[in-house]
Protein backbone atom coordinates (compact mmCIF):
# COMPACT_ATOMS: atom_id res chain seq x y z
CA UNK A 1 39.76 7.68 -26.49
CA UNK A 2 37.30 8.05 -23.66
CA UNK A 3 39.07 9.31 -20.51
CA UNK A 4 37.63 6.62 -18.19
CA UNK A 5 38.51 3.83 -20.59
CA UNK A 6 42.00 5.23 -21.05
CA UNK A 7 42.53 5.55 -17.28
CA UNK A 8 41.56 1.91 -16.73
CA UNK A 9 43.79 0.71 -19.56
CA UNK A 10 46.68 2.86 -18.33
CA UNK A 11 46.40 1.50 -14.79
CA UNK A 12 46.32 -2.09 -16.07
CA UNK A 13 49.34 -1.49 -18.34
CA UNK A 14 51.26 0.25 -15.55
CA UNK A 15 50.62 -2.54 -13.06
CA UNK A 16 51.48 -5.16 -15.67
CA UNK A 17 54.70 -3.36 -16.58
CA UNK A 18 55.88 -3.14 -12.96
CA UNK A 19 54.92 -6.80 -12.44
CA UNK A 20 57.56 -7.76 -15.01
CA UNK A 21 60.35 -6.13 -12.97
CA UNK A 22 60.95 -3.59 -10.22
CA UNK A 23 61.26 -0.19 -11.86
CA UNK A 24 62.17 3.42 -11.26
CA UNK A 25 59.16 5.72 -11.63
CA UNK A 26 60.54 7.75 -14.52
CA UNK A 27 61.48 4.60 -16.46
CA UNK A 28 57.90 3.33 -16.10
CA UNK A 29 56.61 6.61 -17.51
CA UNK A 30 59.07 6.63 -20.43
CA UNK A 31 58.01 3.13 -21.44
CA UNK A 32 54.26 3.75 -21.10
CA UNK A 33 54.46 7.08 -22.88
CA UNK A 34 55.13 5.12 -26.07
CA UNK A 35 51.59 3.70 -25.83
CA UNK A 36 49.96 6.72 -24.18
CA UNK A 37 51.73 9.77 -25.71
CA UNK A 38 49.00 12.26 -24.81
CA UNK A 39 48.94 11.43 -21.08
CA UNK A 40 50.57 14.02 -18.83
CA UNK A 41 53.49 12.92 -16.65
CA UNK A 42 51.55 14.02 -13.56
CA UNK A 43 48.79 11.52 -14.42
CA UNK A 44 51.27 8.64 -14.43
CA UNK A 45 52.64 9.72 -11.05
CA UNK A 46 49.11 10.09 -9.65
CA UNK A 47 48.34 6.48 -10.59
CA UNK A 48 51.63 5.28 -9.09
CA UNK A 49 50.86 7.12 -5.83
CA UNK A 50 47.31 5.76 -5.68
CA UNK A 51 48.45 2.18 -6.33
CA UNK A 52 51.05 2.61 -3.59
CA UNK A 53 48.50 4.09 -1.15
CA UNK A 54 46.06 1.24 -1.72
CA UNK A 55 48.81 -1.34 -1.19
CA UNK A 56 49.11 -2.65 -4.76
CA UNK A 57 52.63 -1.27 -5.20
CA UNK A 58 55.50 -1.11 -2.77
CA UNK A 59 57.78 1.90 -3.03
CA UNK A 60 61.45 1.75 -2.02
CA UNK A 61 64.60 3.79 -2.47
CA UNK A 62 67.14 2.56 -4.96
CA UNK A 63 70.47 3.60 -6.37
CA UNK A 64 71.18 7.27 -6.76
CA UNK A 65 72.66 9.06 -9.73
CA UNK A 66 74.27 11.95 -7.94
CA UNK A 67 70.90 13.30 -6.85
CA UNK A 68 68.21 12.36 -4.37
CA UNK A 69 67.37 8.66 -3.90
CA UNK A 70 65.22 7.26 -6.69
CA UNK A 71 61.79 5.83 -5.94
CA UNK A 72 61.40 2.30 -7.25
CA UNK A 73 58.21 0.27 -7.37
CA UNK A 74 57.36 -3.42 -7.10
CA UNK A 75 54.02 -5.22 -7.13
CA UNK A 76 52.77 -6.51 -3.78
CA UNK A 77 50.62 -9.61 -3.21
CA UNK A 78 47.57 -7.31 -3.19
CA UNK A 79 48.79 -5.84 -6.48
CA UNK A 80 49.15 -9.29 -8.06
CA UNK A 81 45.55 -10.05 -7.08
CA UNK A 82 44.38 -6.73 -8.54
CA UNK A 83 46.38 -7.36 -11.73
CA UNK A 84 44.84 -10.82 -12.17
CA UNK A 85 41.33 -9.44 -11.63
CA UNK A 86 41.82 -6.48 -13.97
CA UNK A 87 43.37 -8.66 -16.67
CA UNK A 88 40.39 -11.03 -16.54
CA UNK A 89 37.96 -8.09 -16.63
CA UNK A 90 39.81 -6.62 -19.61
CA UNK A 91 39.73 -9.93 -21.53
CA UNK A 92 35.99 -10.25 -20.86
CA UNK A 93 35.37 -6.66 -21.99
CA UNK A 94 37.39 -7.14 -25.18
CA UNK A 95 35.43 -10.32 -26.00
CA UNK A 96 32.07 -8.57 -25.40
CA UNK A 97 32.98 -5.58 -27.55
CA UNK A 98 34.36 -7.82 -30.31
CA UNK A 99 31.08 -9.76 -30.43
CA UNK A 100 29.11 -6.55 -30.80
CA UNK A 101 31.39 -5.17 -33.49
CA UNK A 102 31.16 -8.26 -35.69
CA UNK A 103 29.66 -7.47 -39.06
CA UNK A 104 30.37 -3.75 -39.03
């Protein structure tokens, strides 16, 4: 899959996944790895950090498991707006591509 296309799909899936419930970073990665098995762990964390920096995700400390505090993420109001926009863009793109692939 094209790297740019994959990156956009991964970001949309990540944001959508966190929108369903607040999550620990590693749990997000484990779940998304099922759909994106060839993506490096560092790439997932880079997207999480970028979404946090831009204000789409809020990061907070949660329960510990005998180690350092875990970083949890939740979608902010800016993130919900971004998710809505990206979801609409994705639906439009899928419809356009489907029209062009008809008859192949």
